[in-house]
């Protein structure tokens, strides 16, 4: 069994929660309170977010193929991702949008319900852990990125069984896509942390992350593993990482013993050896 020939992921469009969190619009108190009180899964797209979804759909049709040509179109059941999937589908006929709970947003729990100021007051240890250990820190009442990774590994079992030679489209969330990179590209924790800290690697609304087993330059060259990656900001393709071009991944991740020693040596012991003499 193997992964689909093509796995395409799209982050949802701008949501009302995005606007509230980033304070891009001066909102009156009663609207802010209503947004903060609403469960995360219920947030709608803004008109900007709907248009971003349409643009992403057009980009996919122009650069990959029709939405109907995918063997399955999954969407997180959250309203903002479902609404994005609708916008991506556009006026195409015969598209079935399939909800999938394993690709939902990372659960930020009670920690995510608070402002940064409130988080610092009520969960100072979590704030500190999130800063120094973002891959493994678990939010109070929520998930760590490794919890999301666990969902991904379970989802991969379904993809292996049901779409080993197929094409799959997922409309999902930024943290899920970040964890996907960690899984597919077989990163070490420090590699993921460097990527996560790089603002140029952030997923914008309706960014597309695509992996393929098929050589973009030779359709007859089909590998047994996902071998190529493309990362595109569909709203501003010129701002895309790696210039929006295909990048070939390392076929087999691993280190020689010499390389392993060098990696371990980068993380210094904090207890001097003299304590053990």
Protein backbone atom coordinates (compact mmCIF):
# COMPACT_ATOMS: atom_id res chain seq x y z
CA UNK A 1 0.00 0.00 0.00
CA UNK A 2 1.13 3.54 -0.65
CA UNK A 3 -0.01 7.13 -0.41
CA UNK A 4 -2.11 8.85 -3.09
CA UNK A 5 -0.29 10.04 -6.18
CA UNK A 6 -1.22 13.60 -5.27
CA UNK A 7 -2.17 15.11 -1.90
CA UNK A 8 -3.33 18.73 -2.00
CA UNK A 9 -4.17 20.74 1.12
CA UNK A 10 -5.75 24.19 1.32
CA UNK A 11 -5.99 26.34 4.43
CA UNK A 12 -9.40 27.95 4.94
CA UNK A 13 -10.09 31.53 3.91
CA UNK A 14 -10.16 34.53 6.23
CA UNK A 15 -12.62 33.89 9.06
CA UNK A 16 -14.37 36.28 11.41
CA UNK A 17 -12.15 34.92 14.18
CA UNK A 18 -9.02 35.81 12.15
CA UNK A 19 -10.25 39.40 11.90
CA UNK A 20 -11.01 39.53 15.62
CA UNK A 21 -7.66 38.01 16.65
CA UNK A 22 -5.54 40.19 14.37
CA UNK A 23 -7.62 43.32 15.04
CA UNK A 24 -7.66 44.15 11.32
CA UNK A 25 -11.02 45.88 11.80
CA UNK A 26 -12.13 48.02 14.76
CA UNK A 27 -15.06 45.97 16.05
CA UNK A 28 -17.56 47.16 18.67
CA UNK A 29 -17.52 45.38 22.00
CA UNK A 30 -20.75 43.43 21.53
CA UNK A 31 -19.44 41.83 18.30
CA UNK A 32 -16.10 40.96 19.92
CA UNK A 33 -17.93 39.39 22.85
CA UNK A 34 -20.14 37.37 20.53
CA UNK A 35 -17.13 36.12 18.56
CA UNK A 36 -15.24 35.18 21.73
CA UNK A 37 -18.28 33.33 23.09
CA UNK A 38 -18.92 31.30 19.92
CA UNK A 39 -17.37 27.80 19.65
CA UNK A 40 -14.35 27.76 17.35
CA UNK A 41 -15.95 25.34 14.88
CA UNK A 42 -18.83 27.77 14.19
CA UNK A 43 -16.88 30.76 12.89
CA UNK A 44 -17.90 31.91 9.40
CA UNK A 45 -15.75 33.26 6.60
CA UNK A 46 -15.69 36.98 5.91
CA UNK A 47 -16.56 38.15 2.36
CA UNK A 48 -12.78 38.40 1.86
CA UNK A 49 -12.44 34.76 2.91
CA UNK A 50 -15.10 33.64 0.44
CA UNK A 51 -13.27 35.43 -2.38
CA UNK A 52 -9.99 33.85 -1.28
CA UNK A 53 -11.66 30.46 -1.62
CA UNK A 54 -12.80 31.28 -5.15
CA UNK A 55 -9.29 32.38 -6.08
CA UNK A 56 -7.84 29.17 -4.63
CA UNK A 57 -10.34 27.12 -6.63
CA UNK A 58 -9.38 28.92 -9.83
CA UNK A 59 -5.68 28.35 -9.08
CA UNK A 60 -6.26 24.62 -8.55
CA UNK A 61 -8.24 24.31 -11.78
CA UNK A 62 -5.53 26.14 -13.72
CA UNK A 63 -2.51 24.39 -12.18
CA UNK A 64 -3.75 20.95 -11.11
CA UNK A 65 -7.14 20.12 -12.61
CA UNK A 66 -10.85 20.44 -11.99
CA UNK A 67 -12.10 19.98 -8.45
CA UNK A 68 -14.33 17.18 -9.72
CA UNK A 69 -11.25 15.33 -10.98
CA UNK A 70 -10.10 14.58 -7.43
CA UNK A 71 -11.02 11.15 -6.13
CA UNK A 72 -12.15 12.70 -2.86
CA UNK A 73 -12.56 16.25 -1.54
CA UNK A 74 -12.28 16.21 2.25
CA UNK A 75 -13.08 19.19 4.42
CA UNK A 76 -12.79 19.78 8.13
CA UNK A 77 -16.38 19.95 9.47
CA UNK A 78 -15.66 23.40 10.91
CA UNK A 79 -17.90 25.97 9.24
CA UNK A 80 -15.03 28.09 7.91
CA UNK A 81 -13.45 25.13 6.13
CA UNK A 82 -16.78 23.85 4.80
CA UNK A 83 -17.54 27.34 3.48
CA UNK A 84 -14.07 27.51 1.90
CA UNK A 85 -14.64 24.15 0.21
CA UNK A 86 -17.92 25.48 -1.23
CA UNK A 87 -16.10 28.53 -2.62
CA UNK A 88 -13.34 26.35 -4.07
CA UNK A 89 -15.89 24.08 -5.76
CA UNK A 90 -17.53 27.06 -7.46
CA UNK A 91 -19.98 26.14 -10.19
CA UNK A 92 -18.51 22.74 -11.01
CA UNK A 93 -20.96 19.86 -11.23
CA UNK A 94 -20.69 16.48 -9.53
CA UNK A 95 -18.54 17.44 -6.55
CA UNK A 96 -19.17 15.71 -3.21
CA UNK A 97 -17.68 17.45 -0.17
CA UNK A 98 -16.76 14.86 2.46
CA UNK A 99 -16.43 15.88 6.14
CA UNK A 100 -13.44 14.44 7.98
CA UNK A 101 -12.92 15.01 11.71
CA UNK A 102 -9.27 13.96 11.66
CA UNK A 103 -8.29 17.10 9.71
CA UNK A 104 -9.88 19.65 12.05
CA UNK A 105 -7.99 22.55 13.62
CA UNK A 106 -5.67 21.91 16.51
CA UNK A 107 -7.72 22.14 19.70
CA UNK A 108 -6.47 25.15 21.66
CA UNK A 109 -8.73 24.26 24.62
CA UNK A 110 -9.35 26.71 27.44
CA UNK A 111 -5.96 28.29 26.73
CA UNK A 112 -7.14 29.40 23.29
CA UNK A 113 -10.27 31.03 24.69
CA UNK A 114 -8.21 33.71 26.39
CA UNK A 115 -6.38 36.81 25.22
CA UNK A 116 -2.59 36.73 25.42
CA UNK A 117 -2.78 38.88 28.55
CA UNK A 118 -5.22 36.46 30.19
CA UNK A 119 -3.09 33.48 29.13
CA UNK A 120 -0.06 35.01 30.85
CA UNK A 121 -2.08 35.46 34.06
CA UNK A 122 -3.89 32.12 34.18
CA UNK A 123 -1.49 29.78 32.35
CA UNK A 124 2.03 31.22 32.73
CA UNK A 125 3.69 27.78 32.56
CA UNK A 126 1.87 26.95 29.32
CA UNK A 127 2.89 30.28 27.79
CA UNK A 128 6.52 29.61 28.72
CA UNK A 129 6.39 26.02 27.41
CA UNK A 130 4.75 27.11 24.16
CA UNK A 131 7.60 29.55 23.60
CA UNK A 132 10.48 27.13 24.20
CA UNK A 133 8.86 23.86 23.12
CA UNK A 134 6.18 24.62 20.47
CA UNK A 135 6.14 21.15 18.92
CA UNK A 136 5.40 19.28 22.14
CA UNK A 137 3.60 21.84 24.34
CA UNK A 138 -0.02 20.83 25.02
CA UNK A 139 -2.51 23.60 25.58
CA UNK A 140 -4.66 23.38 28.71
CA UNK A 141 -7.77 21.45 27.74
CA UNK A 142 -6.43 21.12 24.18
CA UNK A 143 -3.84 19.47 21.95
CA UNK A 144 -0.14 19.60 21.26
CA UNK A 145 1.19 19.51 17.69
CA UNK A 146 2.14 15.89 18.35
CA UNK A 147 -1.50 15.14 19.13
CA UNK A 148 -2.34 16.50 15.67
CA UNK A 149 0.48 14.33 14.29
CA UNK A 150 -1.28 11.32 15.81
CA UNK A 151 -4.45 12.18 13.90
CA UNK A 152 -2.40 12.47 10.73
CA UNK A 153 -0.90 9.01 11.13
CA UNK A 154 -4.37 7.57 11.61
CA UNK A 155 -5.64 9.46 8.54
CA UNK A 156 -2.76 8.10 6.50
CA UNK A 157 -4.08 4.59 7.12
CA UNK A 158 -7.30 5.57 5.36
CA UNK A 159 -5.43 7.18 2.47
CA UNK A 160 -3.25 4.07 2.08
CA UNK A 161 -6.28 1.78 1.97
CA UNK A 162 -8.73 3.82 -0.07
CA UNK A 163 -6.72 6.08 -2.42
CA UNK A 164 -3.30 4.46 -3.05
CA UNK A 165 -3.34 5.56 -6.71
CA UNK A 166 -5.72 8.49 -6.33
CA UNK A 167 -5.71 12.25 -5.92
CA UNK A 168 -6.90 13.78 -2.66
CA UNK A 169 -7.92 17.35 -1.82
CA UNK A 170 -8.21 18.48 1.81
CA UNK A 171 -9.62 21.83 2.93
CA UNK A 172 -8.19 22.17 6.41
CA UNK A 173 -6.30 24.41 8.87
CA UNK A 174 -2.84 25.90 9.25
CA UNK A 175 -1.67 23.85 12.24
CA UNK A 176 -2.80 20.64 10.54
CA UNK A 177 -0.78 21.57 7.45
CA UNK A 178 2.22 22.40 9.65
CA UNK A 179 2.01 18.98 11.29
CA UNK A 180 1.63 17.41 7.84
CA UNK A 181 4.96 18.89 6.81
CA UNK A 182 6.58 17.40 9.91
CA UNK A 183 5.13 13.97 9.09
CA UNK A 184 5.63 13.80 5.32
CA UNK A 185 9.07 15.41 5.27
CA UNK A 186 10.21 13.37 8.28
CA UNK A 187 11.64 16.37 10.08
CA UNK A 188 13.64 16.37 13.26
CA UNK A 189 12.13 18.55 16.02
CA UNK A 190 14.72 21.31 15.59
CA UNK A 191 14.00 21.44 11.84
CA UNK A 192 10.29 21.86 12.48
CA UNK A 193 10.92 24.52 15.13
CA UNK A 194 13.11 26.51 12.72
CA UNK A 195 10.41 26.27 10.07
CA UNK A 196 7.68 27.26 12.51
CA UNK A 197 9.67 30.33 13.60
CA UNK A 198 10.16 31.46 10.00
CA UNK A 199 7.36 33.88 9.09
CA UNK A 200 7.90 33.16 5.39
CA UNK A 201 6.84 29.55 6.01
CA UNK A 202 3.49 30.54 7.54
CA UNK A 203 0.30 29.39 5.83
CA UNK A 204 -1.76 32.34 4.64
CA UNK A 205 -5.50 32.04 4.20
CA UNK A 206 -6.10 29.70 1.23
CA UNK A 207 -2.45 28.77 0.81
CA UNK A 208 -2.01 25.47 -1.04
CA UNK A 209 0.42 22.77 0.10
CA UNK A 210 0.79 20.00 -2.45
CA UNK A 211 2.73 16.72 -2.38
CA UNK A 212 3.14 14.36 -5.31
CA UNK A 213 4.58 10.95 -6.12
CA UNK A 214 4.68 11.94 -9.80
CA UNK A 215 7.68 13.79 -11.16
CA UNK A 216 6.40 17.24 -12.27
CA UNK A 217 8.83 17.12 -15.21
CA UNK A 218 8.06 13.53 -16.24
CA UNK A 219 4.56 12.09 -15.72
CA UNK A 220 5.90 8.59 -16.39
CA UNK A 221 8.25 8.86 -13.40
CA UNK A 222 6.06 7.74 -10.49
CA UNK A 223 7.75 7.07 -7.14
CA UNK A 224 6.56 4.88 -4.28
CA UNK A 225 6.72 7.79 -1.79
CA UNK A 226 5.57 11.39 -1.88
CA UNK A 227 8.65 12.89 -3.43
CA UNK A 228 7.84 16.47 -4.48
CA UNK A 229 6.36 19.46 -2.64
CA UNK A 230 4.84 22.72 -3.85
CA UNK A 231 3.75 25.55 -1.52
CA UNK A 232 1.76 28.43 -3.02
CA UNK A 233 0.00 31.47 -1.57
CA UNK A 234 -2.84 31.51 -4.10
CA UNK A 235 -3.74 35.12 -3.32
CA UNK A 236 -0.18 36.32 -3.93
CA UNK A 237 1.73 33.58 -5.79
CA UNK A 238 4.78 35.82 -6.15
CA UNK A 239 5.18 35.76 -2.34
CA UNK A 240 5.17 31.96 -2.14
CA UNK A 241 7.98 30.03 -0.39
CA UNK A 242 10.45 28.40 -2.75
CA UNK A 243 9.06 30.76 -5.44
CA UNK A 244 5.99 28.52 -5.63
CA UNK A 245 8.02 25.93 -7.53
CA UNK A 246 8.25 22.19 -7.06
CA UNK A 247 10.96 21.05 -4.65
CA UNK A 248 12.19 17.45 -4.59
CA UNK A 249 12.35 16.00 -1.10
CA UNK A 250 15.05 13.80 0.35
CA UNK A 251 14.01 10.30 -0.61
CA UNK A 252 14.98 8.59 2.62
CA UNK A 253 15.42 10.53 5.85
CA UNK A 254 18.03 9.34 8.26
CA UNK A 255 21.56 10.07 9.38
CA UNK A 256 24.81 8.19 9.39
CA UNK A 257 26.36 7.58 12.80
CA UNK A 258 28.78 10.46 12.12
CA UNK A 259 25.92 12.81 11.22
CA UNK A 260 23.98 11.60 14.27
CA UNK A 261 26.89 12.41 16.57
CA UNK A 262 27.07 15.91 15.06
CA UNK A 263 23.34 16.43 15.58
CA UNK A 264 23.45 15.30 19.21
CA UNK A 265 26.50 17.51 19.85
CA UNK A 266 24.49 20.60 18.91
CA UNK A 267 22.41 20.08 22.05
CA UNK A 268 24.90 20.61 24.84
CA UNK A 269 24.85 18.88 28.19
CA UNK A 270 23.93 21.25 30.99
CA UNK A 271 25.59 19.21 33.73
CA UNK A 272 29.40 19.38 33.44
CA UNK A 273 31.12 16.01 33.03
CA UNK A 274 33.07 16.70 36.23
CA UNK A 275 29.93 15.90 38.24
CA UNK A 276 30.19 12.29 37.09
CA UNK A 277 33.90 11.76 37.79
